PDB file of N, CA and C in Angstrom:
ATOM      1  N   UNK A   1      45.392 133.149 127.759  1.00  0.00           N
ATOM      2  CA  UNK A   1      46.040 134.049 128.749  1.00  0.00           C
ATOM      3  C   UNK A   1      44.615 133.987 130.260  1.00  0.00           C
ATOM      4  N   UNK A   2      45.181 134.116 131.372  1.00  0.00           N
ATOM      5  CA  UNK A   2      44.459 134.214 132.505  1.00  0.00           C
ATOM      6  C   UNK A   2      44.718 134.917 133.052  1.00  0.00           C
ATOM      7  N   UNK A   3      44.153 136.463 133.978  1.00  0.00           N
ATOM      8  CA  UNK A   3      44.676 137.322 134.654  1.00  0.00           C
ATOM      9  C   UNK A   3      43.122 137.588 135.678  1.00  0.00           C
ATOM     10  N   UNK A   4      43.624 137.669 136.609  1.00  0.00           N
ATOM     11  CA  UNK A   4      42.849 137.389 137.816  1.00  0.00           C
ATOM     12  C   UNK A   4      43.436 138.689 138.648  1.00  0.00           C
ATOM     13  N   UNK A   5      42.937 139.044 139.501  1.00  0.00           N
ATOM     14  CA  UNK A   5      42.955 140.265 140.287  1.00  0.00           C
ATOM     15  C   UNK A   5      41.598 140.206 141.563  1.00  0.00           C
ATOM     16  N   UNK A   6      42.300 140.636 142.659  1.00  0.00           N
ATOM     17  CA  UNK A   6      41.126 140.503 143.878  1.00  0.00           C
ATOM     18  C   UNK A   6      40.942 141.779 143.687  1.00  0.00           C
ATOM     19  N   UNK A   7      39.285 141.911 144.230  1.00  0.00           N
ATOM     20  CA  UNK A   7      38.401 143.066 144.148  1.00  0.00           C
ATOM     21  C   UNK A   7      38.473 144.061 145.240  1.00  0.00           C
ATOM     22  N   UNK A   8      39.684 143.355 146.324  1.00  0.00           N
ATOM     23  CA  UNK A   8      39.861 144.260 147.604  1.00  0.00           C
ATOM     24  C   UNK A   8      41.806 144.196 147.656  1.00  0.00           C
ATOM     25  N   UNK A   9      42.342 144.045 146.348  1.00  0.00           N
ATOM     26  CA  UNK A   9      43.440 144.118 146.410  1.00  0.00           C
ATOM     27  C   UNK A   9      43.721 146.267 146.511  1.00  0.00           C
ATOM     28  N   UNK A  10      45.008 146.138 147.235  1.00  0.00           N
ATOM     29  CA  UNK A  10      45.067 147.390 147.915  1.00  0.00           C
ATOM     30  C   UNK A  10      46.729 147.969 147.175  1.00  0.00           C
ATOM     31  N   UNK A  11      47.079 146.806 146.586  1.00  0.00           N
ATOM     32  CA  UNK A  11      48.489 146.951 145.771  1.00  0.00           C
ATOM     33  C   UNK A  11      48.388 147.139 144.585  1.00  0.00           C
ATOM     34  N   UNK A  12      47.347 146.523 143.594  1.00  0.00           N
ATOM     35  CA  UNK A  12      47.223 146.661 142.169  1.00  0.00           C
ATOM     36  C   UNK A  12      45.610 146.735 142.045  1.00  0.00           C
ATOM     37  N   UNK A  13      45.465 147.864 142.263  1.00  0.00           N
ATOM     38  CA  UNK A  13      44.115 148.171 141.817  1.00  0.00           C
ATOM     39  C   UNK A  13      43.211 147.576 140.926  1.00  0.00           C
ATOM     40  N   UNK A  14      42.428 146.431 140.697  1.00  0.00           N
ATOM     41  CA  UNK A  14      41.651 146.063 139.831  1.00  0.00           C
ATOM     42  C   UNK A  14      40.991 147.313 138.837  1.00  0.00           C
ATOM     43  N   UNK A  15      40.237 148.098 139.640  1.00  0.00           N
ATOM     44  CA  UNK A  15      39.760 148.992 138.376  1.00  0.00           C
ATOM     45  C   UNK A  15      40.527 149.994 137.489  1.00  0.00           C
ATOM     46  N   UNK A  16      42.311 149.481 138.219  1.00  0.00           N
ATOM     47  CA  UNK A  16      42.903 150.903 137.361  1.00  0.00           C
ATOM     48  C   UNK A  16      44.038 149.390 136.486  1.00  0.00           C
ATOM     49  N   UNK A  17      43.925 148.224 137.198  1.00  0.00           N
ATOM     50  CA  UNK A  17      44.701 147.486 136.343  1.00  0.00           C
ATOM     51  C   UNK A  17      43.842 146.843 135.268  1.00  0.00           C
ATOM     52  N   UNK A  18      42.750 146.374 135.271  1.00  0.00           N
ATOM     53  CA  UNK A  18      42.239 145.737 134.695  1.00  0.00           C
ATOM     54  C   UNK A  18      41.854 146.341 133.174  1.00  0.00           C
ATOM     55  N   UNK A  19      41.609 147.610 132.951  1.00  0.00           N
ATOM     56  CA  UNK A  19      41.510 148.005 131.741  1.00  0.00           C
ATOM     57  C   UNK A  19      43.237 148.555 130.698  1.00  0.00           C
ATOM     58  N   UNK A  20      43.880 148.516 131.524  1.00  0.00           N
ATOM     59  CA  UNK A  20      45.184 148.204 131.389  1.00  0.00           C
ATOM     60  C   UNK A  20      45.542 147.148 130.049  1.00  0.00           C
ATOM     61  N   UNK A  21      45.189 145.501 130.858  1.00  0.00           N
ATOM     62  CA  UNK A  21      45.429 144.509 131.155  1.00  0.00           C
ATOM     63  C   UNK A  21      44.285 144.352 129.179  1.00  0.00           C
ATOM     64  N   UNK A  22      43.228 144.674 129.315  1.00  0.00           N
ATOM     65  CA  UNK A  22      42.180 144.315 128.309  1.00  0.00           C
ATOM     66  C   UNK A  22      43.040 145.222 127.112  1.00  0.00           C
ATOM     67  N   UNK A  23      43.294 146.254 127.154  1.00  0.00           N
ATOM     68  CA  UNK A  23      43.881 147.510 126.018  1.00  0.00           C
ATOM     69  C   UNK A  23      45.237 146.429 125.756  1.00  0.00           C
ATOM     70  N   UNK A  24      46.083 145.768 126.273  1.00  0.00           N
ATOM     71  CA  UNK A  24      47.415 145.060 125.512  1.00  0.00           C
ATOM     72  C   UNK A  24      46.982 144.132 125.111  1.00  0.00           C
ATOM     73  N   UNK A  25      45.924 143.654 125.579  1.00  0.00           N
ATOM     74  CA  UNK A  25      45.914 141.966 125.002  1.00  0.00           C
ATOM     75  C   UNK A  25      44.759 142.126 123.587  1.00  0.00           C
ATOM     76  N   UNK A  26      44.153 143.395 123.331  1.00  0.00           N
ATOM     77  CA  UNK A  26      43.680 143.857 122.427  1.00  0.00           C
ATOM     78  C   UNK A  26      44.570 144.389 120.944  1.00  0.00           C
ATOM     79  N   UNK A  27      45.582 144.056 121.690  1.00  0.00           N
ATOM     80  CA  UNK A  27      46.782 144.709 120.670  1.00  0.00           C
ATOM     81  C   UNK A  27      47.223 143.446 120.245  1.00  0.00           C
ATOM     82  N   UNK A  28      47.389 142.222 121.465  1.00  0.00           N
ATOM     83  CA  UNK A  28      48.238 141.099 120.929  1.00  0.00           C
ATOM     84  C   UNK A  28      47.533 139.816 120.033  1.00  0.00           C
ATOM     85  N   UNK A  29      48.136 139.158 120.129  1.00  0.00           N
ATOM     86  CA  UNK A  29      47.958 138.233 119.295  1.00  0.00           C
ATOM     87  C   UNK A  29      47.485 136.688 120.095  1.00  0.00           C
ATOM     88  N   UNK A  30      47.262 137.091 121.687  1.00  0.00           N
ATOM     89  CA  UNK A  30      46.187 136.203 122.220  1.00  0.00           C
ATOM     90  C   UNK A  30      45.036 136.052 122.032  1.00  0.00           C
ATOM     91  N   UNK A  31      45.285 134.408 121.896  1.00  0.00           N
ATOM     92  CA  UNK A  31      43.651 134.171 121.277  1.00  0.00           C
ATOM     93  C   UNK A  31      42.570 133.951 122.354  1.00  0.00           C
ATOM     94  N   UNK A  32      43.329 133.376 124.051  1.00  0.00           N
ATOM     95  CA  UNK A  32      42.314 133.301 124.636  1.00  0.00           C
ATOM     96  C   UNK A  32      42.666 134.399 125.884  1.00  0.00           C
ATOM     97  N   UNK A  33      41.514 135.147 125.859  1.00  0.00           N
ATOM     98  CA  UNK A  33      42.186 135.869 126.903  1.00  0.00           C
ATOM     99  C   UNK A  33      40.419 135.980 128.210  1.00  0.00           C
ATOM    100  N   UNK A  34      41.287 135.299 128.856  1.00  0.00           N
ATOM    101  CA  UNK A  34      40.069 135.383 130.288  1.00  0.00           C
ATOM    102  C   UNK A  34      40.377 136.208 131.430  1.00  0.00           C
ATOM    103  N   UNK A  35      39.735 137.046 131.673  1.00  0.00           N
ATOM    104  CA  UNK A  35      40.036 138.248 132.861  1.00  0.00           C
ATOM    105  C   UNK A  35      38.981 138.416 133.879  1.00  0.00           C
ATOM    106  N   UNK A  36      39.340 138.241 135.006  1.00  0.00           N
ATOM    107  CA  UNK A  36      38.226 137.812 136.481  1.00  0.00           C
ATOM    108  C   UNK A  36      38.629 138.828 137.412  1.00  0.00           C
ATOM    109  N   UNK A  37      37.966 139.108 137.820  1.00  0.00           N
ATOM    110  CA  UNK A  37      37.979 140.119 139.164  1.00  0.00           C
ATOM    111  C   UNK A  37      37.476 139.333 140.345  1.00  0.00           C
ATOM    112  N   UNK A  38      38.156 139.080 141.241  1.00  0.00           N
ATOM    113  CA  UNK A  38      37.767 137.589 142.447  1.00  0.00           C
ATOM    114  C   UNK A  38      37.009 138.600 143.823  1.00  0.00           C
ATOM    115  N   UNK A  39      35.869 138.470 143.967  1.00  0.00           N
ATOM    116  CA  UNK A  39      35.479 139.156 145.135  1.00  0.00           C
ATOM    117  C   UNK A  39      36.037 138.934 146.554  1.00  0.00           C
ATOM    118  N   UNK A  40      36.191 139.535 147.105  1.00  0.00           N
ATOM    119  CA  UNK A  40      37.143 140.103 148.593  1.00  0.00           C
ATOM    120  C   UNK A  40      38.163 139.035 148.489  1.00  0.00           C
ATOM    121  N   UNK A  41      38.899 139.252 147.406  1.00  0.00           N
ATOM    122  CA  UNK A  41      40.047 138.968 147.561  1.00  0.00           C
ATOM    123  C   UNK A  41      41.098 139.496 147.418  1.00  0.00           C
ATOM    124  N   UNK A  42      42.026 139.833 148.843  1.00  0.00           N
ATOM    125  CA  UNK A  42      43.300 140.687 148.591  1.00  0.00           C
ATOM    126  C   UNK A  42      44.632 140.311 147.717  1.00  0.00           C
ATOM    127  N   UNK A  43      45.695 141.053 147.805  1.00  0.00           N
ATOM    128  CA  UNK A  43      46.765 141.066 146.615  1.00  0.00           C
ATOM    129  C   UNK A  43      47.360 139.428 147.113  1.00  0.00           C
ATOM    130  N   UNK A  44      46.944 138.683 147.789  1.00  0.00           N
ATOM    131  CA  UNK A  44      48.201 137.704 148.051  1.00  0.00           C
ATOM    132  C   UNK A  44      46.640 136.330 147.460  1.00  0.00           C
ATOM    133  N   UNK A  45      45.628 136.824 147.044  1.00  0.00           N
ATOM    134  CA  UNK A  45      44.396 135.922 146.879  1.00  0.00           C
ATOM    135  C   UNK A  45      43.740 135.258 148.013  1.00  0.00           C
ATOM    136  N   UNK A  46      43.667 135.943 149.077  1.00  0.00           N
ATOM    137  CA  UNK A  46      43.151 135.454 150.503  1.00  0.00           C
ATOM    138  C   UNK A  46      41.735 135.970 150.058  1.00  0.00           C
ATOM    139  N   UNK A  47      40.605 135.096 150.898  1.00  0.00           N
ATOM    140  CA  UNK A  47      39.629 135.667 151.518  1.00  0.00           C
ATOM    141  C   UNK A  47      39.982 136.654 152.323  1.00  0.00           C
ATOM    142  N   UNK A  48      39.722 138.172 152.296  1.00  0.00           N
ATOM    143  CA  UNK A  48      39.602 139.224 153.045  1.00  0.00           C
ATOM    144  C   UNK A  48      38.820 139.327 153.831  1.00  0.00           C
ATOM    145  N   UNK A  49      38.907 139.786 155.358  1.00  0.00           N
ATOM    146  CA  UNK A  49      37.227 140.264 155.902  1.00  0.00           C
ATOM    147  C   UNK A  49      38.025 141.924 155.780  1.00  0.00           C
ATOM    148  N   UNK A  50      39.403 142.442 157.105  1.00  0.00           N
ATOM    149  CA  UNK A  50      39.179 143.851 156.719  1.00  0.00           C
ATOM    150  C   UNK A  50      39.964 144.416 155.769  1.00  0.00           C
ATOM    151  N   UNK A  51      40.410 143.290 154.686  1.00  0.00           N
ATOM    152  CA  UNK A  51      41.223 143.708 153.809  1.00  0.00           C
ATOM    153  C   UNK A  51      42.655 144.624 153.521  1.00  0.00           C
ATOM    154  N   UNK A  52      43.182 144.496 154.885  1.00  0.00           N
ATOM    155  CA  UNK A  52      44.444 145.849 155.101  1.00  0.00           C
ATOM    156  C   UNK A  52      45.719 144.725 154.854  1.00  0.00           C
ATOM    157  N   UNK A  53      46.810 145.751 154.580  1.00  0.00           N
ATOM    158  CA  UNK A  53      47.924 144.952 154.404  1.00  0.00           C
ATOM    159  C   UNK A  53      48.616 144.092 155.519  1.00  0.00           C
ATOM    160  N   UNK A  54      47.652 144.195 156.663  1.00  0.00           N
ATOM    161  CA  UNK A  54      48.333 144.255 158.388  1.00  0.00           C
ATOM    162  C   UNK A  54      47.594 143.220 158.060  1.00  0.00           C
ATOM    163  N   UNK A  55      46.102 142.831 157.355  1.00  0.00           N
ATOM    164  CA  UNK A  55      46.064 141.505 158.047  1.00  0.00           C
ATOM    165  C   UNK A  55      46.175 140.268 157.072  1.00  0.00           C
ATOM    166  N   UNK A  56      47.372 140.588 156.068  1.00  0.00           N
ATOM    167  CA  UNK A  56      47.849 139.660 155.224  1.00  0.00           C
ATOM    168  C   UNK A  56      48.314 138.153 156.752  1.00  0.00           C
ATOM    169  N   UNK A  57      49.094 138.607 157.247  1.00  0.00           N
ATOM    170  CA  UNK A  57      49.458 137.544 157.967  1.00  0.00           C
ATOM    171  C   UNK A  57      48.103 137.169 159.242  1.00  0.00           C
ATOM    172  N   UNK A  58      47.616 137.608 159.925  1.00  0.00           N
ATOM    173  CA  UNK A  58      46.555 137.493 160.321  1.00  0.00           C
ATOM    174  C   UNK A  58      45.488 136.163 159.700  1.00  0.00           C
ATOM    175  N   UNK A  59      45.645 136.330 158.382  1.00  0.00           N
ATOM    176  CA  UNK A  59      44.559 135.424 157.499  1.00  0.00           C
ATOM    177  C   UNK A  59      45.083 133.907 157.889  1.00  0.00           C
ATOM    178  N   UNK A  60      44.169 133.106 158.512  1.00  0.00           N
ATOM    179  CA  UNK A  60      44.489 131.242 158.136  1.00  0.00           C
ATOM    180  C   UNK A  60      44.676 131.091 156.503  1.00  0.00           C
ATOM    181  N   UNK A  61      43.755 131.314 155.977  1.00  0.00           N
ATOM    182  CA  UNK A  61      43.973 131.276 154.713  1.00  0.00           C
ATOM    183  C   UNK A  61      45.051 131.474 153.749  1.00  0.00           C
ATOM    184  N   UNK A  62      45.729 131.060 153.358  1.00  0.00           N
ATOM    185  CA  UNK A  62      47.252 130.875 152.633  1.00  0.00           C
ATOM    186  C   UNK A  62      47.059 131.706 151.254  1.00  0.00           C
ATOM    187  N   UNK A  63      45.988 130.727 150.120  1.00  0.00           N
ATOM    188  CA  UNK A  63      45.783 131.168 148.725  1.00  0.00           C
ATOM    189  C   UNK A  63      44.083 130.063 149.027  1.00  0.00           C
ATOM    190  N   UNK A  64      43.278 131.102 148.105  1.00  0.00           N
ATOM    191  CA  UNK A  64      42.134 130.918 148.347  1.00  0.00           C
ATOM    192  C   UNK A  64      41.528 129.641 147.496  1.00  0.00           C
ATOM    193  N   UNK A  65      40.431 129.118 147.814  1.00  0.00           N
ATOM    194  CA  UNK A  65      40.277 128.075 147.401  1.00  0.00           C
ATOM    195  C   UNK A  65      39.429 128.063 145.652  1.00  0.00           C
ATOM    196  N   UNK A  66      38.892 129.548 146.132  1.00  0.00           N
ATOM    197  CA  UNK A  66      38.198 130.284 145.117  1.00  0.00           C
ATOM    198  C   UNK A  66      39.128 130.286 144.147  1.00  0.00           C
ATOM    199  N   UNK A  67      39.802 131.374 143.879  1.00  0.00           N
ATOM    200  CA  UNK A  67      41.196 131.577 143.095  1.00  0.00           C
ATOM    201  C   UNK A  67      41.928 130.472 142.676  1.00  0.00           C
ATOM    202  N   UNK A  68      42.225 129.095 143.671  1.00  0.00           N
ATOM    203  CA  UNK A  68      42.940 128.330 142.784  1.00  0.00           C
ATOM    204  C   UNK A  68      41.711 127.459 141.769  1.00  0.00           C
ATOM    205  N   UNK A  69      40.287 127.476 142.307  1.00  0.00           N
ATOM    206  CA  UNK A  69      39.422 126.699 141.075  1.00  0.00           C
ATOM    207  C   UNK A  69      39.178 127.557 140.092  1.00  0.00           C
ATOM    208  N   UNK A  70      39.106 128.412 140.387  1.00  0.00           N
ATOM    209  CA  UNK A  70      39.328 129.495 138.786  1.00  0.00           C
ATOM    210  C   UNK A  70      40.841 128.762 138.018  1.00  0.00           C
ATOM    211  N   UNK A  71      41.716 129.040 137.841  1.00  0.00           N
ATOM    212  CA  UNK A  71      43.188 128.805 137.964  1.00  0.00           C
ATOM    213  C   UNK A  71      43.268 127.033 137.448  1.00  0.00           C
ATOM    214  N   UNK A  72      42.744 126.480 138.215  1.00  0.00           N
ATOM    215  CA  UNK A  72      42.516 124.901 137.649  1.00  0.00           C
ATOM    216  C   UNK A  72      42.014 125.216 136.269  1.00  0.00           C
ATOM    217  N   UNK A  73      40.265 125.474 137.034  1.00  0.00           N
ATOM    218  CA  UNK A  73      39.259 125.534 135.570  1.00  0.00           C
ATOM    219  C   UNK A  73      39.943 125.789 134.577  1.00  0.00           C
ATOM    220  N   UNK A  74      40.553 126.896 134.472  1.00  0.00           N
ATOM    221  CA  UNK A  74      41.130 127.578 133.264  1.00  0.00           C
ATOM    222  C   UNK A  74      42.172 126.546 132.820  1.00  0.00           C
ATOM    223  N   UNK A  75      43.149 125.968 133.534  1.00  0.00           N
ATOM    224  CA  UNK A  75      44.330 125.353 132.734  1.00  0.00           C
ATOM    225  C   UNK A  75      43.731 123.737 132.628  1.00  0.00           C
ATOM    226  N   UNK A  76      42.726 123.460 133.003  1.00  0.00           N
ATOM    227  CA  UNK A  76      42.064 122.488 132.427  1.00  0.00           C
ATOM    228  C   UNK A  76      41.322 122.579 131.082  1.00  0.00           C
ATOM    229  N   UNK A  77      40.463 123.533 130.902  1.00  0.00           N
ATOM    230  CA  UNK A  77      39.974 123.912 129.455  1.00  0.00           C
ATOM    231  C   UNK A  77      41.046 124.067 128.587  1.00  0.00           C
ATOM    232  N   UNK A  78      42.320 124.841 128.675  1.00  0.00           N
ATOM    233  CA  UNK A  78      43.035 125.270 127.972  1.00  0.00           C
ATOM    234  C   UNK A  78      44.404 124.593 127.642  1.00  0.00           C
ATOM    235  N   UNK A  79      44.904 124.339 128.492  1.00  0.00           N
ATOM    236  CA  UNK A  79      46.645 123.716 128.440  1.00  0.00           C
ATOM    237  C   UNK A  79      46.142 121.760 128.312  1.00  0.00           C
ATOM    238  N   UNK A  80      46.448 121.518 127.400  1.00  0.00           N
ATOM    239  CA  UNK A  80      46.768 120.395 126.989  1.00  0.00           C
ATOM    240  C   UNK A  80      48.232 119.391 127.061  1.00  0.00           C
TER     241      UNK A  80
END
């Protein structure tokens, strides 16, 4: 399982979300558990500047290449 959270996410706060994910995964039978907090990313995994909800529509980036790379590398490593 790959869990990603943006550290500038105002809807799902990483510092509150990640501990719950870690706790649930410790109780699970999931063998692969990768959890990452991505720097300067909002809820939509956009590289943000102001990192406000209003900024979502102002950003040209629809999805961060950094987040996409994390997902692609994880899938390449664990999904065959």
